[in-house]
Amino acid sequence: MAAAIVAQATDPEDAGDDPYEGKNPAAVELGRLGGQKGGKARAKSLTAEQRSEIAKRAAAARWAKDA
């Protein structure tokens, strides 16, 4: 049974599946467009001090993780 589960999970035929299959292409493109704008727009709206504080918290969170 375990072999069947592993075979199903690692089936090379499933590797090329399109994650957007069955979705509205216009909606997918619109979502990507918003995602591409988001980071730049947020960075532009933050002050240097705010960006620095966010970066410090992110670094602390990375270092706090167990390796």
C-alpha atoms as a PDB file:
ATOM      1  CA  MET A   1       0.000   0.000   0.000  1.00  0.00           C
ATOM      2  CA  ALA A   2       2.835   2.396   0.856  1.00  0.00           C
ATOM      3  CA  ALA A   3       4.439   1.774  -2.526  1.00  0.00           C
ATOM      4  CA  ALA A   4       1.178   2.627  -4.276  1.00  0.00           C
ATOM      5  CA  ILE A   5       0.912   5.907  -2.366  1.00  0.00           C
ATOM      6  CA  VAL A   6       4.495   6.872  -3.217  1.00  0.00           C
ATOM      7  CA  ALA A   7       3.981   5.918  -6.872  1.00  0.00           C
ATOM      8  CA  GLN A   8       0.843   8.038  -7.050  1.00  0.00           C
ATOM      9  CA  ALA A   9       2.526  11.009  -5.356  1.00  0.00           C
ATOM     10  CA  THR A  10       5.567  10.906  -7.646  1.00  0.00           C
ATOM     11  CA  ASP A  11       3.807  10.124 -10.918  1.00  0.00           C
ATOM     12  CA  PRO A  12       5.776  11.924 -13.674  1.00  0.00           C
ATOM     13  CA  GLU A  13       2.638  12.292 -15.811  1.00  0.00           C
ATOM     14  CA  ASP A  14       1.176  14.726 -13.269  1.00  0.00           C
ATOM     15  CA  ALA A  15       4.294  16.935 -13.259  1.00  0.00           C
ATOM     16  CA  GLY A  16       3.233  19.044 -16.254  1.00  0.00           C
ATOM     17  CA  ASP A  17      -0.280  19.893 -15.134  1.00  0.00           C
ATOM     18  CA  ASP A  18      -1.276  23.521 -15.616  1.00  0.00           C
ATOM     19  CA  PRO A  19      -2.244  25.044 -12.232  1.00  0.00           C
ATOM     20  CA  TYR A  20      -4.499  27.540 -14.058  1.00  0.00           C
ATOM     21  CA  GLU A  21      -6.463  24.894 -15.945  1.00  0.00           C
ATOM     22  CA  GLY A  22     -10.195  25.525 -15.676  1.00  0.00           C
ATOM     23  CA  LYS A  23      -9.764  29.113 -14.519  1.00  0.00           C
ATOM     24  CA  ASN A  24     -10.763  32.235 -16.371  1.00  0.00           C
ATOM     25  CA  PRO A  25      -7.575  33.421 -18.171  1.00  0.00           C
ATOM     26  CA  ALA A  26      -8.591  37.069 -17.846  1.00  0.00           C
ATOM     27  CA  ALA A  27      -9.029  36.704 -14.085  1.00  0.00           C
ATOM     28  CA  VAL A  28      -5.658  34.949 -13.772  1.00  0.00           C
ATOM     29  CA  GLU A  29      -3.917  37.734 -15.686  1.00  0.00           C
ATOM     30  CA  LEU A  30      -5.653  40.419 -13.631  1.00  0.00           C
ATOM     31  CA  GLY A  31      -4.588  38.708 -10.410  1.00  0.00           C
ATOM     32  CA  ARG A  32      -0.988  38.490 -11.578  1.00  0.00           C
ATOM     33  CA  LEU A  33      -1.024  42.153 -12.560  1.00  0.00           C
ATOM     34  CA  GLY A  34      -2.156  43.202  -9.105  1.00  0.00           C
ATOM     35  CA  GLY A  35       0.446  40.957  -7.487  1.00  0.00           C
ATOM     36  CA  GLN A  36       3.203  42.449  -9.570  1.00  0.00           C
ATOM     37  CA  LYS A  37       2.232  45.977  -8.561  1.00  0.00           C
ATOM     38  CA  GLY A  38       1.691  45.280  -4.871  1.00  0.00           C
ATOM     39  CA  GLY A  39       5.243  45.145  -3.544  1.00  0.00           C
ATOM     40  CA  LYS A  40       6.407  48.223  -5.408  1.00  0.00           C
ATOM     41  CA  ALA A  41       3.337  50.216  -4.373  1.00  0.00           C
ATOM     42  CA  ARG A  42       3.767  49.210  -0.723  1.00  0.00           C
ATOM     43  CA  ALA A  43       7.470  50.087  -0.711  1.00  0.00           C
ATOM     44  CA  LYS A  44       6.722  53.460  -2.257  1.00  0.00           C
ATOM     45  CA  SER A  45       4.153  54.268   0.434  1.00  0.00           C
ATOM     46  CA  LEU A  46       6.414  53.363   3.389  1.00  0.00           C
ATOM     47  CA  THR A  47       8.985  55.649   4.961  1.00  0.00           C
ATOM     48  CA  ALA A  48      12.619  54.546   5.250  1.00  0.00           C
ATOM     49  CA  GLU A  49      12.103  54.055   8.992  1.00  0.00           C
ATOM     50  CA  GLN A  50       9.056  51.817   8.426  1.00  0.00           C
ATOM     51  CA  ARG A  51      10.919  49.719   5.827  1.00  0.00           C
ATOM     52  CA  SER A  52      13.834  49.338   8.226  1.00  0.00           C
ATOM     53  CA  GLU A  53      11.573  48.188  11.067  1.00  0.00           C
ATOM     54  CA  ILE A  54       9.871  45.634   8.792  1.00  0.00           C
ATOM     55  CA  ALA A  55      13.274  44.332   7.661  1.00  0.00           C
ATOM     56  CA  LYS A  56      14.467  44.006  11.279  1.00  0.00           C
ATOM     57  CA  ARG A  57      11.372  42.012  12.250  1.00  0.00           C
ATOM     58  CA  ALA A  58      11.786  39.768   9.203  1.00  0.00           C
ATOM     59  CA  ALA A  59      15.443  39.096  10.012  1.00  0.00           C
ATOM     60  CA  ALA A  60      14.586  38.333  13.641  1.00  0.00           C
ATOM     61  CA  ALA A  61      11.880  35.922  12.548  1.00  0.00           C
ATOM     62  CA  ARG A  62      14.304  34.144  10.185  1.00  0.00           C
ATOM     63  CA  TRP A  63      16.950  33.776  12.887  1.00  0.00           C
ATOM     64  CA  ALA A  64      14.393  32.622  15.465  1.00  0.00           C
ATOM     65  CA  LYS A  65      13.406  29.592  13.362  1.00  0.00           C
ATOM     66  CA  ASP A  66      14.829  26.232  14.424  1.00  0.00           C
ATOM     67  CA  ALA A  67      17.277  24.943  11.853  1.00  0.00           C
END
